[in-house]
Protein backbone atom coordinates (compact mmCIF):
# COMPACT_ATOMS: atom_id res chain seq x y z
CA MET A 1 0.21 10.94 21.27
CA ALA A 2 2.21 9.16 18.64
CA LYS A 3 0.35 9.25 15.39
CA LYS A 4 1.56 6.96 12.40
CA LEU A 5 0.03 6.53 8.57
CA HIS A 6 1.16 3.55 6.86
CA TYR A 7 0.46 3.80 3.14
CA PHE A 8 2.07 2.89 0.06
CA ASP A 9 4.59 5.31 -1.36
CA VAL A 10 2.81 6.69 -4.38
CA ASN A 11 -0.31 8.87 -3.81
CA GLY A 12 -3.47 6.67 -4.06
CA ILE A 13 -6.24 6.98 -1.54
CA GLY A 14 -3.50 7.41 0.96
CA GLU A 15 -2.55 11.26 -0.31
CA SER A 16 -5.65 12.62 0.56
CA ILE A 17 -5.31 11.92 3.90
CA ARG A 18 -1.39 13.04 4.09
CA TYR A 19 -3.01 16.38 2.90
CA ILE A 20 -5.76 16.61 5.90
CA LEU A 21 -2.73 15.71 8.19
CA HIS A 22 -0.22 18.43 6.76
CA TYR A 23 -3.44 21.26 6.30
CA GLY A 24 -4.17 20.23 10.20
CA GLY A 25 -0.71 20.71 11.55
CA GLN A 26 -1.12 17.34 13.02
CA LYS A 27 2.47 15.81 13.71
CA PHE A 28 2.72 11.99 12.27
CA GLU A 29 4.89 9.64 11.18
CA ASP A 30 4.73 8.88 7.18
CA VAL A 31 5.01 5.17 6.93
CA ARG A 32 5.63 4.60 3.34
CA TYR A 33 5.74 0.56 1.60
CA GLN A 34 7.05 -0.09 -2.02
CA ILE A 35 4.30 -1.02 -4.39
CA SER A 36 6.78 -3.36 -5.97
CA GLY A 37 7.81 -5.31 -2.72
CA TRP A 38 4.10 -5.59 -2.45
CA PRO A 39 2.78 -7.72 -0.58
CA ASP A 40 5.11 -8.04 2.26
CA LYS A 41 3.72 -11.16 4.02
CA LYS A 42 4.73 -10.14 7.88
CA VAL A 43 3.25 -6.21 7.38
CA LYS A 44 0.14 -7.96 5.29
CA ASP A 45 -0.68 -10.46 8.33
CA ALA A 46 -0.24 -7.79 10.70
CA LEU A 47 -2.92 -5.72 9.32
CA PRO A 48 -6.54 -5.90 10.30
CA PHE A 49 -7.84 -6.82 7.03
CA GLY A 50 -4.62 -7.40 5.39
CA GLN A 51 -5.24 -3.82 3.64
CA LEU A 52 -3.11 -0.15 3.57
CA PRO A 53 -4.04 2.30 5.01
CA LEU A 54 -3.82 1.97 8.54
CA TYR A 55 -3.40 4.94 11.04
CA GLU A 56 -2.49 4.96 14.40
CA GLU A 57 -2.45 6.59 17.26
CA GLY A 58 -1.64 5.92 20.38
CA ASP A 59 -2.18 1.67 20.93
CA ARG A 60 -5.47 2.53 18.53
CA SER A 61 -5.44 1.64 15.00
CA LEU A 62 -8.11 2.23 12.50
CA HIS A 63 -8.17 1.01 8.95
CA GLN A 64 -10.06 2.00 5.86
CA SER A 65 -8.95 5.14 4.30
CA LEU A 66 -12.39 7.14 4.19
CA ALA A 67 -12.95 6.72 7.77
CA ILE A 68 -9.36 7.70 8.74
CA ALA A 69 -9.55 10.63 6.54
CA ARG A 70 -12.92 11.80 7.97
CA TYR A 71 -11.88 11.14 11.83
CA VAL A 72 -8.28 13.16 10.87
CA ALA A 73 -10.60 15.47 9.12
CA SER A 74 -12.42 16.12 12.26
CA GLN A 75 -9.44 17.23 13.93
CA SER A 76 -8.57 19.58 11.66
CA LYS A 77 -11.91 21.82 11.75
CA LEU A 78 -12.95 19.79 8.03
CA LEU A 79 -16.31 18.15 9.04
CA PRO A 80 -19.22 20.60 9.45
CA ASN A 81 -21.11 20.58 12.56
CA ASP A 82 -24.29 20.20 11.05
CA LEU A 83 -25.49 16.58 10.55
CA TRP A 84 -27.03 17.72 7.57
CA GLU A 85 -24.19 19.09 6.19
CA GLN A 86 -22.34 16.39 7.47
CA ALA A 87 -24.33 13.37 5.31
CA VAL A 88 -24.29 15.67 2.41
CA VAL A 89 -20.31 15.96 2.38
CA ASP A 90 -20.08 12.23 2.82
CA SER A 91 -22.54 11.57 -0.01
CA TYR A 92 -20.19 13.49 -2.09
CA VAL A 93 -16.97 11.88 -0.76
CA MET A 94 -18.41 8.30 -1.57
CA THR A 95 -19.34 9.16 -5.25
CA ILE A 96 -15.73 10.50 -5.58
CA TYR A 97 -14.86 7.27 -4.78
CA ASP A 98 -17.42 5.39 -6.74
CA PHE A 99 -15.56 6.82 -10.01
CA TRP A 100 -12.18 5.03 -8.48
CA PHE A 101 -13.02 1.88 -7.37
CA THR A 102 -15.92 1.31 -10.27
CA LYS A 103 -13.93 2.63 -12.90
CA VAL A 104 -10.00 3.58 -12.01
CA ILE A 105 -9.25 0.36 -10.09
CA PRO A 106 -10.70 -2.08 -12.80
CA PHE A 107 -8.23 -0.59 -14.77
CA VAL A 108 -5.53 -0.39 -12.69
CA LYS A 109 -5.83 -4.52 -11.79
CA GLU A 110 -6.80 -5.27 -15.67
CA THR A 111 -3.71 -7.43 -17.18
CA ASP A 112 -4.53 -8.66 -20.46
CA ALA A 113 -3.64 -5.50 -23.04
CA ALA A 114 -6.56 -5.17 -25.06
CA LYS A 115 -9.04 -5.20 -22.27
CA LYS A 116 -7.35 -2.54 -20.58
CA ALA A 117 -7.14 -0.19 -23.48
CA THR A 118 -10.68 -0.73 -23.80
CA LEU A 119 -11.62 0.08 -19.89
CA LYS A 120 -9.41 3.39 -20.85
CA LYS A 121 -11.05 4.36 -23.58
CA GLU A 122 -14.73 4.09 -21.52
CA ILE A 123 -13.23 5.96 -18.48
CA LEU A 124 -11.67 8.72 -21.34
CA ASP A 125 -14.80 8.75 -23.25
CA GLU A 126 -17.52 8.81 -20.71
CA SER A 127 -16.59 8.23 -16.83
CA ILE A 128 -14.71 11.44 -16.57
CA HIS A 129 -17.30 13.25 -17.89
CA PHE A 130 -20.40 11.94 -16.37
CA PHE A 131 -18.76 12.47 -12.90
CA PHE A 132 -16.59 15.61 -13.52
CA SER A 133 -19.09 17.41 -15.08
CA ARG A 134 -21.24 16.99 -12.09
CA PHE A 135 -19.00 17.50 -9.68
CA ASP A 136 -18.02 20.92 -11.58
CA LYS A 137 -21.63 22.30 -11.50
CA VAL A 138 -21.88 21.55 -7.79
CA LEU A 139 -18.44 23.43 -7.02
CA LYS A 140 -19.95 26.52 -9.59
CA GLU A 141 -23.02 26.60 -7.50
CA HIS A 142 -21.30 26.90 -4.28
CA ASN A 143 -18.87 28.92 -4.43
CA GLY A 144 -15.77 26.57 -5.33
CA PHE A 145 -16.74 24.16 -2.47
CA PHE A 146 -19.38 21.33 -2.17
CA ILE A 147 -20.91 22.83 0.62
CA GLY A 148 -19.78 26.48 0.23
CA LYS A 149 -17.45 26.39 2.47
CA LEU A 150 -13.33 23.98 2.83
CA THR A 151 -14.45 20.32 3.98
CA TRP A 152 -12.48 17.19 3.23
CA ALA A 153 -14.17 16.50 0.39
CA GLU A 154 -12.22 18.71 -1.27
CA PHE A 155 -9.27 16.76 -0.36
CA ILE A 156 -10.77 13.71 -1.21
CA LEU A 157 -11.53 14.56 -4.50
CA VAL A 158 -8.00 16.31 -5.03
CA GLY A 159 -6.48 13.17 -4.05
CA ILE A 160 -8.50 10.86 -6.16
CA ILE A 161 -7.41 13.30 -9.37
CA GLU A 162 -4.07 13.10 -8.77
CA ALA A 163 -4.29 9.38 -7.92
CA GLY A 164 -6.07 9.07 -11.07
CA ASN A 165 -4.15 11.15 -13.04
CA LEU A 166 -1.17 9.43 -12.37
CA PHE A 167 -1.93 5.65 -13.34
CA LEU A 168 -4.58 6.73 -16.39
CA ASP A 169 -1.25 9.60 -17.87
CA TYR A 170 -4.14 11.98 -18.37
CA GLU A 171 -5.13 15.41 -16.88
CA ILE A 172 -8.91 14.74 -15.50
CA GLU A 173 -9.69 18.21 -14.54
CA LYS A 174 -8.65 19.81 -17.46
CA ASN A 175 -11.88 20.51 -19.00
CA TYR A 176 -13.80 21.45 -15.31
CA PRO A 177 -12.44 24.81 -14.87
CA HIS A 178 -14.41 24.87 -10.95
CA VAL A 179 -12.77 20.99 -10.69
CA LYS A 180 -9.23 22.76 -11.79
CA ALA A 181 -9.42 25.81 -9.81
CA ALA A 182 -10.70 23.24 -6.41
CA VAL A 183 -7.62 21.31 -7.07
CA GLN A 184 -5.39 24.41 -7.22
CA LYS A 185 -6.87 25.90 -3.75
CA VAL A 186 -6.60 22.73 -2.02
CA LEU A 187 -2.62 22.11 -3.07
CA SER A 188 -1.79 25.75 -2.28
CA LEU A 189 -3.49 25.60 1.50
CA PRO A 190 -1.05 25.80 4.52
CA GLY A 191 0.80 22.74 5.18
CA VAL A 192 -0.24 21.05 2.09
CA LYS A 193 1.84 23.37 -0.14
CA GLU A 194 5.12 23.12 2.14
CA TYR A 195 4.60 19.54 2.09
CA ILE A 196 4.16 19.50 -1.91
CA ALA A 197 7.47 21.15 -2.15
CA LYS A 198 9.26 18.57 -0.41
CA ARG A 199 7.65 15.31 -1.25
CA LYS A 200 8.95 13.86 -4.44
CA VAL A 201 7.31 13.35 -7.90
CA TYR A 202 4.91 10.17 -7.67
CA ALA A 203 5.75 7.76 -10.71
CA LEU A 204 4.37 4.12 -11.44
């Protein structure tokens, strides 16, 4: 069954999905769109809600990045069997996305230079510590993972950190040793490591 992932030619919220697919050895077509040429009306109008990413499997399609990531994670044995553990992992994933969508995205979308600088200062001075000191504590308590074993949450964490670093021109993980170790761990995984070796360096 042919698989396709449609997303921009940047890391953003699509890279975690790419990592999971490569880690699981899942063959897929990595369809990429240039941000500079977006919105492409023809493509946008064909999307269920006009947004990327979009995942296709045969004649079926799935939108929303977390729904896609969770689904492909289930095929790569990155979803716990226990329902409570699934919920715990989901809660960490959603908290990681809280940082992205409530802090980073408003900064990315802001066009006023002064307001943008204020938002960035708040992120660097307050938001990163609020979120990542807590992530660091959880990872320390669970042997470097969110629940003591590798799940899709670590992939989401790494993807959002890398995207945040790109857009903020910063190293989010530098003051959080257990977060930094988790990043290095995921990037060294089979499939992921080989993908990164061939991947271009992302730039805005």
